[in-house]
Amino acid sequence: QVRLVETGGGLVETGESLNLTCAASGRTFSNYAMAWFRQAPGKDLEFVAAISWTGRTTYYGDSMKGRFTISRDDAKALALLQANNLRPEDTAVYYCAQGIPHGTQYKLRSEYDSWGQGTRVTVSS
């Protein structure tokens, strides 16, 4: 049974940083791409970042470029998201996802078949 558990969310002030962690279990971690999505109150799910199964390729949502960094630790089966210079509009529940995207379709939620329960990030102004 695949399980993804996100940790690291919390309340921060504008300009501060957070490190989110997704711990995966249940299947061979290194075979899968990993991604982060987020959902703000009253809004649709939004792509944040993704990393290929090799770790060589990363993708970011437009508003995250230059502020967020996704990485993976295959030995520990972890997907990591470093979020810097946080803004109030980054407030959301952040979800970890795992899958095998077709081609370069890493930004589509439909390409991921396993999801965590989410961790809440609140950025105060």
PDB file of N, CA and C in Angstrom:
ATOM      1  N   GLN A   1       0.845  -1.184   0.000  1.00  0.00           N
ATOM      2  CA  GLN A   1       0.000   0.000   0.000  1.00  0.00           C
ATOM      3  C   GLN A   1       0.885   1.240   0.000  1.00  0.00           C
ATOM      4  N   VAL A   2       0.658   2.114  -0.975  1.00  0.00           N
ATOM      5  CA  VAL A   2       1.438   3.333  -1.084  1.00  0.00           C
ATOM      6  C   VAL A   2       0.981   4.332  -0.031  1.00  0.00           C
ATOM      7  N   ARG A   3       1.947   4.985   0.590  1.00  0.00           N
ATOM      8  CA  ARG A   3       1.612   5.997   1.584  1.00  0.00           C
ATOM      9  C   ARG A   3       2.563   7.174   1.429  1.00  0.00           C
ATOM     10  N   LEU A   4       1.988   8.371   1.423  1.00  0.00           N
ATOM     11  CA  LEU A   4       2.755   9.603   1.356  1.00  0.00           C
ATOM     12  C   LEU A   4       2.358  10.457   2.551  1.00  0.00           C
ATOM     13  N   VAL A   5       3.333  10.919   3.313  1.00  0.00           N
ATOM     14  CA  VAL A   5       3.063  11.706   4.508  1.00  0.00           C
ATOM     15  C   VAL A   5       3.863  13.001   4.437  1.00  0.00           C
ATOM     16  N   GLU A   6       3.153  14.117   4.426  1.00  0.00           N
ATOM     17  CA  GLU A   6       3.783  15.423   4.374  1.00  0.00           C
ATOM     18  C   GLU A   6       3.958  15.986   5.774  1.00  0.00           C
ATOM     19  N   THR A   7       5.076  16.643   5.998  1.00  0.00           N
ATOM     20  CA  THR A   7       5.336  17.341   7.249  1.00  0.00           C
ATOM     21  C   THR A   7       6.053  18.648   6.932  1.00  0.00           C
ATOM     22  N   GLY A   8       6.085  19.524   7.927  1.00  0.00           N
ATOM     23  CA  GLY A   8       6.860  20.750   7.789  1.00  0.00           C
ATOM     24  C   GLY A   8       6.052  22.021   7.620  1.00  0.00           C
ATOM     25  N   GLY A   9       4.754  21.902   7.487  1.00  0.00           N
ATOM     26  CA  GLY A   9       3.938  23.091   7.372  1.00  0.00           C
ATOM     27  C   GLY A   9       3.894  23.864   8.679  1.00  0.00           C
ATOM     28  N   GLY A  10       3.312  25.056   8.605  1.00  0.00           N
ATOM     29  CA  GLY A  10       3.202  25.861   9.816  1.00  0.00           C
ATOM     30  C   GLY A  10       2.844  27.293   9.496  1.00  0.00           C
ATOM     31  N   LEU A  11       2.965  28.131  10.505  1.00  0.00           N
ATOM     32  CA  LEU A  11       2.673  29.560  10.379  1.00  0.00           C
ATOM     33  C   LEU A  11       3.979  30.331  10.342  1.00  0.00           C
ATOM     34  N   VAL A  12       4.159  31.120   9.281  1.00  0.00           N
ATOM     35  CA  VAL A  12       5.352  31.944   9.147  1.00  0.00           C
ATOM     36  C   VAL A  12       4.947  33.346   8.736  1.00  0.00           C
ATOM     37  N   GLU A  13       5.880  34.258   8.811  1.00  0.00           N
ATOM     38  CA  GLU A  13       5.637  35.626   8.366  1.00  0.00           C
ATOM     39  C   GLU A  13       6.155  35.813   6.941  1.00  0.00           C
ATOM     40  N   THR A  14       5.659  36.845   6.300  1.00  0.00           N
ATOM     41  CA  THR A  14       6.098  37.176   4.938  1.00  0.00           C
ATOM     42  C   THR A  14       7.623  37.285   4.879  1.00  0.00           C
ATOM     43  N   GLY A  15       8.195  36.642   3.875  1.00  0.00           N
ATOM     44  CA  GLY A  15       9.632  36.683   3.692  1.00  0.00           C
ATOM     45  C   GLY A  15      10.384  35.527   4.330  1.00  0.00           C
ATOM     46  N   GLU A  16       9.727  34.788   5.196  1.00  0.00           N
ATOM     47  CA  GLU A  16      10.376  33.661   5.857  1.00  0.00           C
ATOM     48  C   GLU A  16      10.343  32.409   4.972  1.00  0.00           C
ATOM     49  N   SER A  17      10.946  31.334   5.487  1.00  0.00           N
ATOM     50  CA  SER A  17      11.083  30.097   4.714  1.00  0.00           C
ATOM     51  C   SER A  17      10.506  28.908   5.472  1.00  0.00           C
ATOM     52  N   LEU A  18      10.176  27.881   4.699  1.00  0.00           N
ATOM     53  CA  LEU A  18       9.755  26.597   5.259  1.00  0.00           C
ATOM     54  C   LEU A  18      10.351  25.478   4.425  1.00  0.00           C
ATOM     55  N   ASN A  19      10.603  24.355   5.074  1.00  0.00           N
ATOM     56  CA  ASN A  19      11.040  23.155   4.370  1.00  0.00           C
ATOM     57  C   ASN A  19       9.987  22.071   4.554  1.00  0.00           C
ATOM     58  N   LEU A  20       9.353  21.678   3.476  1.00  0.00           N
ATOM     59  CA  LEU A  20       8.342  20.626   3.517  1.00  0.00           C
ATOM     60  C   LEU A  20       8.971  19.299   3.131  1.00  0.00           C
ATOM     61  N   THR A  21       8.529  18.248   3.787  1.00  0.00           N
ATOM     62  CA  THR A  21       9.043  16.909   3.539  1.00  0.00           C
ATOM     63  C   THR A  21       7.897  15.959   3.250  1.00  0.00           C
ATOM     64  N   CYS A  22       8.105  15.095   2.277  1.00  0.00           N
ATOM     65  CA  CYS A  22       7.139  14.049   1.959  1.00  0.00           C
ATOM     66  C   CYS A  22       7.846  12.707   2.100  1.00  0.00           C
ATOM     67  N   ALA A  23       7.376  11.900   3.026  1.00  0.00           N
ATOM     68  CA  ALA A  23       7.945  10.569   3.232  1.00  0.00           C
ATOM     69  C   ALA A  23       7.072   9.540   2.525  1.00  0.00           C
ATOM     70  N   ALA A  24       7.694   8.758   1.642  1.00  0.00           N
ATOM     71  CA  ALA A  24       6.951   7.796   0.841  1.00  0.00           C
ATOM     72  C   ALA A  24       7.269   6.374   1.260  1.00  0.00           C
ATOM     73  N   SER A  25       6.292   5.508   1.113  1.00  0.00           N
ATOM     74  CA  SER A  25       6.489   4.093   1.394  1.00  0.00           C
ATOM     75  C   SER A  25       5.510   3.280   0.562  1.00  0.00           C
ATOM     76  N   GLY A  26       5.791   1.998   0.412  1.00  0.00           N
ATOM     77  CA  GLY A  26       4.862   1.099  -0.248  1.00  0.00           C
ATOM     78  C   GLY A  26       5.258   0.652  -1.629  1.00  0.00           C
ATOM     79  N   ARG A  27       6.177   1.377  -2.286  1.00  0.00           N
ATOM     80  CA  ARG A  27       6.685   0.936  -3.582  1.00  0.00           C
ATOM     81  C   ARG A  27       8.051   1.565  -3.802  1.00  0.00           C
ATOM     82  N   THR A  28       8.730   1.140  -4.832  1.00  0.00           N
ATOM     83  CA  THR A  28      10.107   1.570  -5.053  1.00  0.00           C
ATOM     84  C   THR A  28      10.150   3.046  -5.412  1.00  0.00           C
ATOM     85  N   PHE A  29      10.609   3.847  -4.471  1.00  0.00           N
ATOM     86  CA  PHE A  29      10.563   5.311  -4.586  1.00  0.00           C
ATOM     87  C   PHE A  29      11.279   5.816  -5.831  1.00  0.00           C
ATOM     88  N   SER A  30      12.436   5.252  -6.125  1.00  0.00           N
ATOM     89  CA  SER A  30      13.265   5.770  -7.214  1.00  0.00           C
ATOM     90  C   SER A  30      12.662   5.542  -8.600  1.00  0.00           C
ATOM     91  N   ASN A  31      11.585   4.791  -8.683  1.00  0.00           N
ATOM     92  CA  ASN A  31      10.932   4.545  -9.964  1.00  0.00           C
ATOM     93  C   ASN A  31       9.921   5.623 -10.344  1.00  0.00           C
ATOM     94  N   TYR A  32       9.661   6.569  -9.446  1.00  0.00           N
ATOM     95  CA  TYR A  32       8.542   7.485  -9.623  1.00  0.00           C
ATOM     96  C   TYR A  32       8.963   8.943  -9.553  1.00  0.00           C
ATOM     97  N   ALA A  33       8.272   9.742 -10.362  1.00  0.00           N
ATOM     98  CA  ALA A  33       8.380  11.184 -10.218  1.00  0.00           C
ATOM     99  C   ALA A  33       7.636  11.622  -8.968  1.00  0.00           C
ATOM    100  N   MET A  34       8.053  12.743  -8.420  1.00  0.00           N
ATOM    101  CA  MET A  34       7.404  13.311  -7.241  1.00  0.00           C
ATOM    102  C   MET A  34       7.010  14.746  -7.534  1.00  0.00           C
ATOM    103  N   ALA A  35       5.927  15.176  -6.930  1.00  0.00           N
ATOM    104  CA  ALA A  35       5.440  16.528  -7.181  1.00  0.00           C
ATOM    105  C   ALA A  35       4.800  17.099  -5.928  1.00  0.00           C
ATOM    106  N   TRP A  36       4.690  18.417  -5.930  1.00  0.00           N
ATOM    107  CA  TRP A  36       3.947  19.140  -4.905  1.00  0.00           C
ATOM    108  C   TRP A  36       2.868  19.966  -5.603  1.00  0.00           C
ATOM    109  N   PHE A  37       1.685  19.917  -5.037  1.00  0.00           N
ATOM    110  CA  PHE A  37       0.573  20.759  -5.449  1.00  0.00           C
ATOM    111  C   PHE A  37       0.088  21.491  -4.206  1.00  0.00           C
ATOM    112  N   ARG A  38      -0.709  22.505  -4.414  1.00  0.00           N
ATOM    113  CA  ARG A  38      -1.277  23.204  -3.269  1.00  0.00           C
ATOM    114  C   ARG A  38      -2.699  23.656  -3.577  1.00  0.00           C
ATOM    115  N   GLN A  39      -3.457  23.826  -2.524  1.00  0.00           N
ATOM    116  CA  GLN A  39      -4.817  24.319  -2.667  1.00  0.00           C
ATOM    117  C   GLN A  39      -5.074  25.393  -1.632  1.00  0.00           C
ATOM    118  N   ALA A  40      -5.282  26.598  -2.097  1.00  0.00           N
ATOM    119  CA  ALA A  40      -5.613  27.720  -1.228  1.00  0.00           C
ATOM    120  C   ALA A  40      -7.110  27.710  -0.942  1.00  0.00           C
ATOM    121  N   PRO A  41      -7.528  28.340   0.139  1.00  0.00           N
ATOM    122  CA  PRO A  41      -8.956  28.368   0.476  1.00  0.00           C
ATOM    123  C   PRO A  41      -9.798  28.914  -0.667  1.00  0.00           C
ATOM    124  N   GLY A  42     -10.799  28.156  -1.086  1.00  0.00           N
ATOM    125  CA  GLY A  42     -11.706  28.601  -2.125  1.00  0.00           C
ATOM    126  C   GLY A  42     -11.164  28.543  -3.531  1.00  0.00           C
ATOM    127  N   LYS A  43      -9.987  27.949  -3.708  1.00  0.00           N
ATOM    128  CA  LYS A  43      -9.368  27.906  -5.032  1.00  0.00           C
ATOM    129  C   LYS A  43      -9.104  26.466  -5.462  1.00  0.00           C
ATOM    130  N   ASP A  44      -8.802  26.308  -6.751  1.00  0.00           N
ATOM    131  CA  ASP A  44      -8.504  24.992  -7.296  1.00  0.00           C
ATOM    132  C   ASP A  44      -7.102  24.547  -6.914  1.00  0.00           C
ATOM    133  N   LEU A  45      -6.890  23.273  -7.088  1.00  0.00           N
ATOM    134  CA  LEU A  45      -5.564  22.717  -6.857  1.00  0.00           C
ATOM    135  C   LEU A  45      -4.582  23.322  -7.856  1.00  0.00           C
ATOM    136  N   GLU A  46      -3.403  23.701  -7.381  1.00  0.00           N
ATOM    137  CA  GLU A  46      -2.407  24.393  -8.206  1.00  0.00           C
ATOM    138  C   GLU A  46      -1.081  23.631  -8.182  1.00  0.00           C
ATOM    139  N   PHE A  47      -0.472  23.478  -9.347  1.00  0.00           N
ATOM    140  CA  PHE A  47       0.838  22.844  -9.436  1.00  0.00           C
ATOM    141  C   PHE A  47       1.898  23.733  -8.802  1.00  0.00           C
ATOM    142  N   VAL A  48       2.774  23.126  -7.998  1.00  0.00           N
ATOM    143  CA  VAL A  48       3.859  23.859  -7.353  1.00  0.00           C
ATOM    144  C   VAL A  48       5.214  23.485  -7.967  1.00  0.00           C
ATOM    145  N   ALA A  49       5.541  22.198  -7.920  1.00  0.00           N
ATOM    146  CA  ALA A  49       6.853  21.758  -8.403  1.00  0.00           C
ATOM    147  C   ALA A  49       6.833  20.245  -8.611  1.00  0.00           C
ATOM    148  N   ALA A  50       7.727  19.776  -9.481  1.00  0.00           N
ATOM    149  CA  ALA A  50       7.862  18.342  -9.710  1.00  0.00           C
ATOM    150  C   ALA A  50       9.307  18.019 -10.018  1.00  0.00           C
ATOM    151  N   ILE A  51       9.667  16.764  -9.765  1.00  0.00           N
ATOM    152  CA  ILE A  51      11.022  16.294 -10.052  1.00  0.00           C
ATOM    153  C   ILE A  51      10.917  14.917 -10.689  1.00  0.00           C
ATOM    154  N   SER A  52      11.692  14.688 -11.732  1.00  0.00           N
ATOM    155  CA  SER A  52      11.635  13.418 -12.443  1.00  0.00           C
ATOM    156  C   SER A  52      12.176  12.285 -11.578  1.00  0.00           C
ATOM    157  N   TRP A  53      11.925  11.044 -12.018  1.00  0.00           N
ATOM    158  CA  TRP A  53      12.378   9.907 -11.234  1.00  0.00           C
ATOM    159  C   TRP A  53      13.906   9.858 -11.153  1.00  0.00           C
ATOM    160  N   THR A  54      14.601  10.428 -12.138  1.00  0.00           N
ATOM    161  CA  THR A  54      16.065  10.454 -12.102  1.00  0.00           C
ATOM    162  C   THR A  54      16.591  11.578 -11.233  1.00  0.00           C
ATOM    163  N   GLY A  55      15.741  12.571 -10.965  1.00  0.00           N
ATOM    164  CA  GLY A  55      16.188  13.747 -10.233  1.00  0.00           C
ATOM    165  C   GLY A  55      16.864  14.778 -11.107  1.00  0.00           C
ATOM    166  N   ARG A  56      16.986  14.496 -12.399  1.00  0.00           N
ATOM    167  CA  ARG A  56      17.740  15.401 -13.280  1.00  0.00           C
ATOM    168  C   ARG A  56      16.894  16.563 -13.776  1.00  0.00           C
ATOM    169  N   THR A  57      15.580  16.390 -13.770  1.00  0.00           N
ATOM    170  CA  THR A  57      14.705  17.413 -14.339  1.00  0.00           C
ATOM    171  C   THR A  57      13.711  17.889 -13.294  1.00  0.00           C
ATOM    172  N   THR A  58      13.562  19.193 -13.202  1.00  0.00           N
ATOM    173  CA  THR A  58      12.589  19.780 -12.282  1.00  0.00           C
ATOM    174  C   THR A  58      11.680  20.745 -13.040  1.00  0.00           C
ATOM    175  N   TYR A  59      10.494  20.920 -12.508  1.00  0.00           N
ATOM    176  CA  TYR A  59       9.488  21.806 -13.078  1.00  0.00           C
ATOM    177  C   TYR A  59       8.910  22.635 -11.947  1.00  0.00           C
ATOM    178  N   TYR A  60       8.541  23.884 -12.270  1.00  0.00           N
ATOM    179  CA  TYR A  60       7.986  24.773 -11.257  1.00  0.00           C
ATOM    180  C   TYR A  60       6.804  25.548 -11.822  1.00  0.00           C
ATOM    181  N   GLY A  61       5.867  25.842 -10.936  1.00  0.00           N
ATOM    182  CA  GLY A  61       4.826  26.774 -11.289  1.00  0.00           C
ATOM    183  C   GLY A  61       5.431  28.164 -11.449  1.00  0.00           C
ATOM    184  N   ASP A  62       4.782  28.995 -12.242  1.00  0.00           N
ATOM    185  CA  ASP A  62       5.367  30.296 -12.586  1.00  0.00           C
ATOM    186  C   ASP A  62       5.664  31.149 -11.356  1.00  0.00           C
ATOM    187  N   SER A  63       4.765  31.179 -10.400  1.00  0.00           N
ATOM    188  CA  SER A  63       4.964  32.058  -9.246  1.00  0.00           C
ATOM    189  C   SER A  63       5.945  31.481  -8.234  1.00  0.00           C
ATOM    190  N   MET A  64       6.374  30.256  -8.431  1.00  0.00           N
ATOM    191  CA  MET A  64       7.309  29.612  -7.519  1.00  0.00           C
ATOM    192  C   MET A  64       8.753  29.673  -8.000  1.00  0.00           C
ATOM    193  N   LYS A  65       8.938  29.961  -9.282  1.00  0.00           N
ATOM    194  CA  LYS A  65      10.291  29.953  -9.837  1.00  0.00           C
ATOM    195  C   LYS A  65      11.172  30.964  -9.119  1.00  0.00           C
ATOM    196  N   GLY A  66      12.365  30.503  -8.741  1.00  0.00           N
ATOM    197  CA  GLY A  66      13.301  31.363  -8.040  1.00  0.00           C
ATOM    198  C   GLY A  66      13.107  31.427  -6.533  1.00  0.00           C
ATOM    199  N   ARG A  67      11.966  30.921  -6.057  1.00  0.00           N
ATOM    200  CA  ARG A  67      11.709  30.934  -4.611  1.00  0.00           C
ATOM    201  C   ARG A  67      11.636  29.524  -4.029  1.00  0.00           C
ATOM    202  N   PHE A  68      11.123  28.575  -4.802  1.00  0.00           N
ATOM    203  CA  PHE A  68      10.949  27.210  -4.321  1.00  0.00           C
ATOM    204  C   PHE A  68      11.960  26.291  -4.994  1.00  0.00           C
ATOM    205  N   THR A  69      12.389  25.278  -4.257  1.00  0.00           N
ATOM    206  CA  THR A  69      13.300  24.280  -4.806  1.00  0.00           C
ATOM    207  C   THR A  69      12.821  22.891  -4.402  1.00  0.00           C
ATOM    208  N   ILE A  70      12.633  22.027  -5.387  1.00  0.00           N
ATOM    209  CA  ILE A  70      12.246  20.646  -5.115  1.00  0.00           C
ATOM    210  C   ILE A  70      13.473  19.750  -5.258  1.00  0.00           C
ATOM    211  N   SER A  71      13.550  18.756  -4.401  1.00  0.00           N
ATOM    212  CA  SER A  71      14.644  17.796  -4.468  1.00  0.00           C
ATOM    213  C   SER A  71      14.138  16.447  -3.974  1.00  0.00           C
ATOM    214  N   ARG A  72      14.977  15.436  -4.105  1.00  0.00           N
ATOM    215  CA  ARG A  72      14.585  14.106  -3.632  1.00  0.00           C
ATOM    216  C   ARG A  72      15.775  13.390  -3.032  1.00  0.00           C
ATOM    217  N   ASP A  73      15.491  12.530  -2.088  1.00  0.00           N
ATOM    218  CA  ASP A  73      16.502  11.700  -1.454  1.00  0.00           C
ATOM    219  C   ASP A  73      16.024  10.263  -1.604  1.00  0.00           C
ATOM    220  N   ASP A  74      16.529   9.582  -2.618  1.00  0.00           N
ATOM    221  CA  ASP A  74      16.049   8.233  -2.897  1.00  0.00           C
ATOM    222  C   ASP A  74      16.424   7.245  -1.795  1.00  0.00           C
ATOM    223  N   ALA A  75      17.541   7.472  -1.144  1.00  0.00           N
ATOM    224  CA  ALA A  75      17.961   6.555  -0.074  1.00  0.00           C
ATOM    225  C   ALA A  75      16.983   6.565   1.096  1.00  0.00           C
ATOM    226  N   LYS A  76      16.374   7.731   1.310  1.00  0.00           N
ATOM    227  CA  LYS A  76      15.431   7.861   2.429  1.00  0.00           C
ATOM    228  C   LYS A  76      13.981   7.901   1.965  1.00  0.00           C
ATOM    229  N   ALA A  77      13.781   7.823   0.639  1.00  0.00           N
ATOM    230  CA  ALA A  77      12.427   7.892   0.074  1.00  0.00           C
ATOM    231  C   ALA A  77      11.712   9.167   0.498  1.00  0.00           C
ATOM    232  N   LEU A  78      12.400  10.290   0.292  1.00  0.00           N
ATOM    233  CA  LEU A  78      11.841  11.585   0.658  1.00  0.00           C
ATOM    234  C   LEU A  78      11.791  12.514  -0.559  1.00  0.00           C
ATOM    235  N   ALA A  79      10.726  13.281  -0.643  1.00  0.00           N
ATOM    236  CA  ALA A  79      10.643  14.403  -1.560  1.00  0.00           C
ATOM    237  C   ALA A  79      10.631  15.663  -0.710  1.00  0.00           C
ATOM    238  N   LEU A  80      11.411  16.648  -1.108  1.00  0.00           N
ATOM    239  CA  LEU A  80      11.614  17.830  -0.290  1.00  0.00           C
ATOM    240  C   LEU A  80      11.230  19.070  -1.083  1.00  0.00           C
ATOM    241  N   LEU A  81      10.645  20.035  -0.376  1.00  0.00           N
ATOM    242  CA  LEU A  81      10.326  21.313  -0.999  1.00  0.00           C
ATOM    243  C   LEU A  81      10.814  22.418  -0.082  1.00  0.00           C
ATOM    244  N   GLN A  82      11.805  23.152  -0.567  1.00  0.00           N
ATOM    245  CA  GLN A  82      12.278  24.319   0.173  1.00  0.00           C
ATOM    246  C   GLN A  82      11.564  25.540  -0.391  1.00  0.00           C
ATOM    247  N   ALA A  83      10.840  26.221   0.469  1.00  0.00           N
ATOM    248  CA  ALA A  83      10.062  27.382   0.052  1.00  0.00           C
ATOM    249  C   ALA A  83      10.616  28.616   0.744  1.00  0.00           C
ATOM    250  N   ASN A  84      11.188  29.516  -0.062  1.00  0.00           N
ATOM    251  CA  ASN A  84      11.802  30.730   0.469  1.00  0.00           C
ATOM    252  C   ASN A  84      10.983  31.960   0.119  1.00  0.00           C
ATOM    253  N   ASN A  85      11.255  33.029   0.835  1.00  0.00           N
ATOM    254  CA  ASN A  85      10.611  34.307   0.561  1.00  0.00           C
ATOM    255  C   ASN A  85       9.095  34.144   0.415  1.00  0.00           C
ATOM    256  N   LEU A  86       8.496  33.516   1.404  1.00  0.00           N
ATOM    257  CA  LEU A  86       7.074  33.210   1.334  1.00  0.00           C
ATOM    258  C   LEU A  86       6.213  34.466   1.389  1.00  0.00           C
ATOM    259  N   ARG A  87       5.092  34.379   0.696  1.00  0.00           N
ATOM    260  CA  ARG A  87       4.158  35.501   0.580  1.00  0.00           C
ATOM    261  C   ARG A  87       2.795  35.070   1.096  1.00  0.00           C
ATOM    262  N   PRO A  88       1.938  35.988   1.489  1.00  0.00           N
ATOM    263  CA  PRO A  88       0.590  35.597   1.940  1.00  0.00           C
ATOM    264  C   PRO A  88      -0.154  34.747   0.912  1.00  0.00           C
ATOM    265  N   GLU A  89       0.081  34.982  -0.359  1.00  0.00           N
ATOM    266  CA  GLU A  89      -0.608  34.206  -1.404  1.00  0.00           C
ATOM    267  C   GLU A  89      -0.090  32.775  -1.518  1.00  0.00           C
ATOM    268  N   ASP A  90       0.960  32.441  -0.789  1.00  0.00           N
ATOM    269  CA  ASP A  90       1.426  31.057  -0.725  1.00  0.00           C
ATOM    270  C   ASP A  90       0.653  30.245   0.311  1.00  0.00           C
ATOM    271  N   THR A  91      -0.206  30.909   1.073  1.00  0.00           N
ATOM    272  CA  THR A  91      -1.013  30.216   2.073  1.00  0.00           C
ATOM    273  C   THR A  91      -1.891  29.176   1.389  1.00  0.00           C
ATOM    274  N   ALA A  92      -1.766  27.924   1.825  1.00  0.00           N
ATOM    275  CA  ALA A  92      -2.502  26.825   1.200  1.00  0.00           C
ATOM    276  C   ALA A  92      -2.194  25.534   1.944  1.00  0.00           C
ATOM    277  N   VAL A  93      -2.933  24.510   1.600  1.00  0.00           N
ATOM    278  CA  VAL A  93      -2.561  23.151   1.999  1.00  0.00           C
ATOM    279  C   VAL A  93      -1.701  22.588   0.874  1.00  0.00           C
ATOM    280  N   TYR A  94      -0.542  22.093   1.242  1.00  0.00           N
ATOM    281  CA  TYR A  94       0.423  21.570   0.268  1.00  0.00           C
ATOM    282  C   TYR A  94       0.361  20.042   0.279  1.00  0.00           C
ATOM    283  N   TYR A  95       0.202  19.480  -0.925  1.00  0.00           N
ATOM    284  CA  TYR A  95       0.069  18.036  -1.092  1.00  0.00           C
ATOM    285  C   TYR A  95       1.249  17.470  -1.868  1.00  0.00           C
ATOM    286  N   CYS A  96       1.699  16.332  -1.430  1.00  0.00           N
ATOM    287  CA  CYS A  96       2.722  15.572  -2.127  1.00  0.00           C
ATOM    288  C   CYS A  96       2.035  14.550  -3.025  1.00  0.00           C
ATOM    289  N   ALA A  97       2.606  14.318  -4.211  1.00  0.00           N
ATOM    290  CA  ALA A  97       2.030  13.351  -5.135  1.00  0.00           C
ATOM    291  C   ALA A  97       3.140  12.536  -5.782  1.00  0.00           C
ATOM    292  N   GLN A  98       2.780  11.329  -6.194  1.00  0.00           N
ATOM    293  CA  GLN A  98       3.745  10.415  -6.804  1.00  0.00           C
ATOM    294  C   GLN A  98       3.136   9.781  -8.035  1.00  0.00           C
ATOM    295  N   GLY A  99       3.930   9.628  -9.083  1.00  0.00           N
ATOM    296  CA  GLY A  99       3.400   9.016 -10.295  1.00  0.00           C
ATOM    297  C   GLY A  99       4.438   8.879 -11.372  1.00  0.00           C
ATOM    298  N   ILE A 100       3.958   8.494 -12.553  1.00  0.00           N
ATOM    299  CA  ILE A 100       4.834   8.368 -13.719  1.00  0.00           C
ATOM    300  C   ILE A 100       4.206   9.189 -14.832  1.00  0.00           C
ATOM    301  N   PRO A 101       4.517  10.493 -14.883  1.00  0.00           N
ATOM    302  CA  PRO A 101       3.928  11.354 -15.910  1.00  0.00           C
ATOM    303  C   PRO A 101       4.320  10.935 -17.321  1.00  0.00           C
ATOM    304  N   HIS A 102       3.376  11.088 -18.252  1.00  0.00           N
ATOM    305  CA  HIS A 102       3.652  10.826 -19.652  1.00  0.00           C
ATOM    306  C   HIS A 102       4.427  11.985 -20.241  1.00  0.00           C
ATOM    307  N   GLY A 103       5.538  11.682 -20.915  1.00  0.00           N
ATOM    308  CA  GLY A 103       6.320  12.728 -21.556  1.00  0.00           C
ATOM    309  C   GLY A 103       6.747  13.792 -20.565  1.00  0.00           C
ATOM    310  N   THR A 104       6.335  15.038 -20.835  1.00  0.00           N
ATOM    311  CA  THR A 104       6.698  16.152 -19.960  1.00  0.00           C
ATOM    312  C   THR A 104       5.481  16.688 -19.204  1.00  0.00           C
ATOM    313  N   GLN A 105       4.467  15.855 -19.019  1.00  0.00           N
ATOM    314  CA  GLN A 105       3.213  16.293 -18.404  1.00  0.00           C
ATOM    315  C   GLN A 105       3.284  16.305 -16.883  1.00  0.00           C
ATOM    316  N   TYR A 106       4.340  16.826 -16.341  1.00  0.00           N
ATOM    317  CA  TYR A 106       4.558  16.787 -14.898  1.00  0.00           C
ATOM    318  C   TYR A 106       3.650  17.731 -14.135  1.00  0.00           C
ATOM    319  N   LYS A 107       3.044  18.707 -14.831  1.00  0.00           N
ATOM    320  CA  LYS A 107       2.239  19.706 -14.135  1.00  0.00           C
ATOM    321  C   LYS A 107       0.772  19.309 -14.012  1.00  0.00           C
ATOM    322  N   LEU A 108       0.413  18.166 -14.560  1.00  0.00           N
ATOM    323  CA  LEU A 108      -0.989  17.741 -14.539  1.00  0.00           C
ATOM    324  C   LEU A 108      -1.261  16.829 -13.358  1.00  0.00           C
ATOM    325  N   ARG A 109      -2.281  17.137 -12.602  1.00  0.00           N
ATOM    326  CA  ARG A 109      -2.615  16.338 -11.429  1.00  0.00           C
ATOM    327  C   ARG A 109      -2.990  14.923 -11.817  1.00  0.00           C
ATOM    328  N   SER A 110      -3.570  14.771 -13.005  1.00  0.00           N
ATOM    329  CA  SER A 110      -4.012  13.452 -13.463  1.00  0.00           C
ATOM    330  C   SER A 110      -2.866  12.480 -13.698  1.00  0.00           C
ATOM    331  N   GLU A 111      -1.638  12.987 -13.755  1.00  0.00           N
ATOM    332  CA  GLU A 111      -0.475  12.124 -13.995  1.00  0.00           C
ATOM    333  C   GLU A 111       0.038  11.452 -12.725  1.00  0.00           C
ATOM    334  N   TYR A 112      -0.574  11.767 -11.596  1.00  0.00           N
ATOM    335  CA  TYR A 112      -0.105  11.228 -10.319  1.00  0.00           C
ATOM    336  C   TYR A 112      -1.192  10.349  -9.714  1.00  0.00           C
ATOM    337  N   ASP A 113      -0.806   9.164  -9.278  1.00  0.00           N
ATOM    338  CA  ASP A 113      -1.806   8.208  -8.799  1.00  0.00           C
ATOM    339  C   ASP A 113      -1.820   8.036  -7.286  1.00  0.00           C
ATOM    340  N   SER A 114      -0.881   8.683  -6.603  1.00  0.00           N
ATOM    341  CA  SER A 114      -0.870   8.596  -5.148  1.00  0.00           C
ATOM    342  C   SER A 114      -0.679   9.979  -4.558  1.00  0.00           C
ATOM    343  N   TRP A 115      -1.414  10.242  -3.479  1.00  0.00           N
ATOM    344  CA  TRP A 115      -1.411  11.574  -2.877  1.00  0.00           C
ATOM    345  C   TRP A 115      -1.343  11.448  -1.364  1.00  0.00           C
ATOM    346  N   GLY A 116      -0.697  12.457  -0.764  1.00  0.00           N
ATOM    347  CA  GLY A 116      -0.697  12.537   0.686  1.00  0.00           C
ATOM    348  C   GLY A 116      -1.913  13.294   1.188  1.00  0.00           C
ATOM    349  N   GLN A 117      -1.979  13.450   2.500  1.00  0.00           N
ATOM    350  CA  GLN A 117      -3.115  14.131   3.140  1.00  0.00           C
ATOM    351  C   GLN A 117      -2.921  15.638   3.225  1.00  0.00           C
ATOM    352  N   GLY A 118      -1.715  16.094   3.003  1.00  0.00           N
ATOM    353  CA  GLY A 118      -1.473  17.529   2.987  1.00  0.00           C
ATOM    354  C   GLY A 118      -0.910  18.082   4.276  1.00  0.00           C
ATOM    355  N   THR A 119      -0.198  19.203   4.139  1.00  0.00           N
ATOM    356  CA  THR A 119       0.296  19.939   5.288  1.00  0.00           C
ATOM    357  C   THR A 119      -0.021  21.416   5.058  1.00  0.00           C
ATOM    358  N   ARG A 120      -0.489  22.070   6.088  1.00  0.00           N
ATOM    359  CA  ARG A 120      -0.976  23.447   5.928  1.00  0.00           C
ATOM    360  C   ARG A 120       0.152  24.445   6.121  1.00  0.00           C
ATOM    361  N   VAL A 121       0.214  25.396   5.206  1.00  0.00           N
ATOM    362  CA  VAL A 121       1.166  26.504   5.287  1.00  0.00           C
ATOM    363  C   VAL A 121       0.369  27.801   5.345  1.00  0.00           C
ATOM    364  N   THR A 122       0.656  28.597   6.359  1.00  0.00           N
ATOM    365  CA  THR A 122       0.000  29.889   6.507  1.00  0.00           C
ATOM    366  C   THR A 122       1.070  30.965   6.581  1.00  0.00           C
ATOM    367  N   VAL A 123       0.944  31.951   5.705  1.00  0.00           N
ATOM    368  CA  VAL A 123       1.908  33.042   5.673  1.00  0.00           C
ATOM    369  C   VAL A 123       1.179  34.325   6.059  1.00  0.00           C
ATOM    370  N   SER A 124       1.602  34.919   7.153  1.00  0.00           N
ATOM    371  CA  SER A 124       0.958  36.130   7.625  1.00  0.00           C
ATOM    372  C   SER A 124       1.643  37.358   7.037  1.00  0.00           C
ATOM    373  N   SER A 125       0.852  38.382   6.838  1.00  0.00           N
ATOM    374  CA  SER A 125       1.389  39.621   6.243  1.00  0.00           C
ATOM    375  C   SER A 125       1.863  40.589   7.313  1.00  0.00           C
TER     376      SER A 125
END
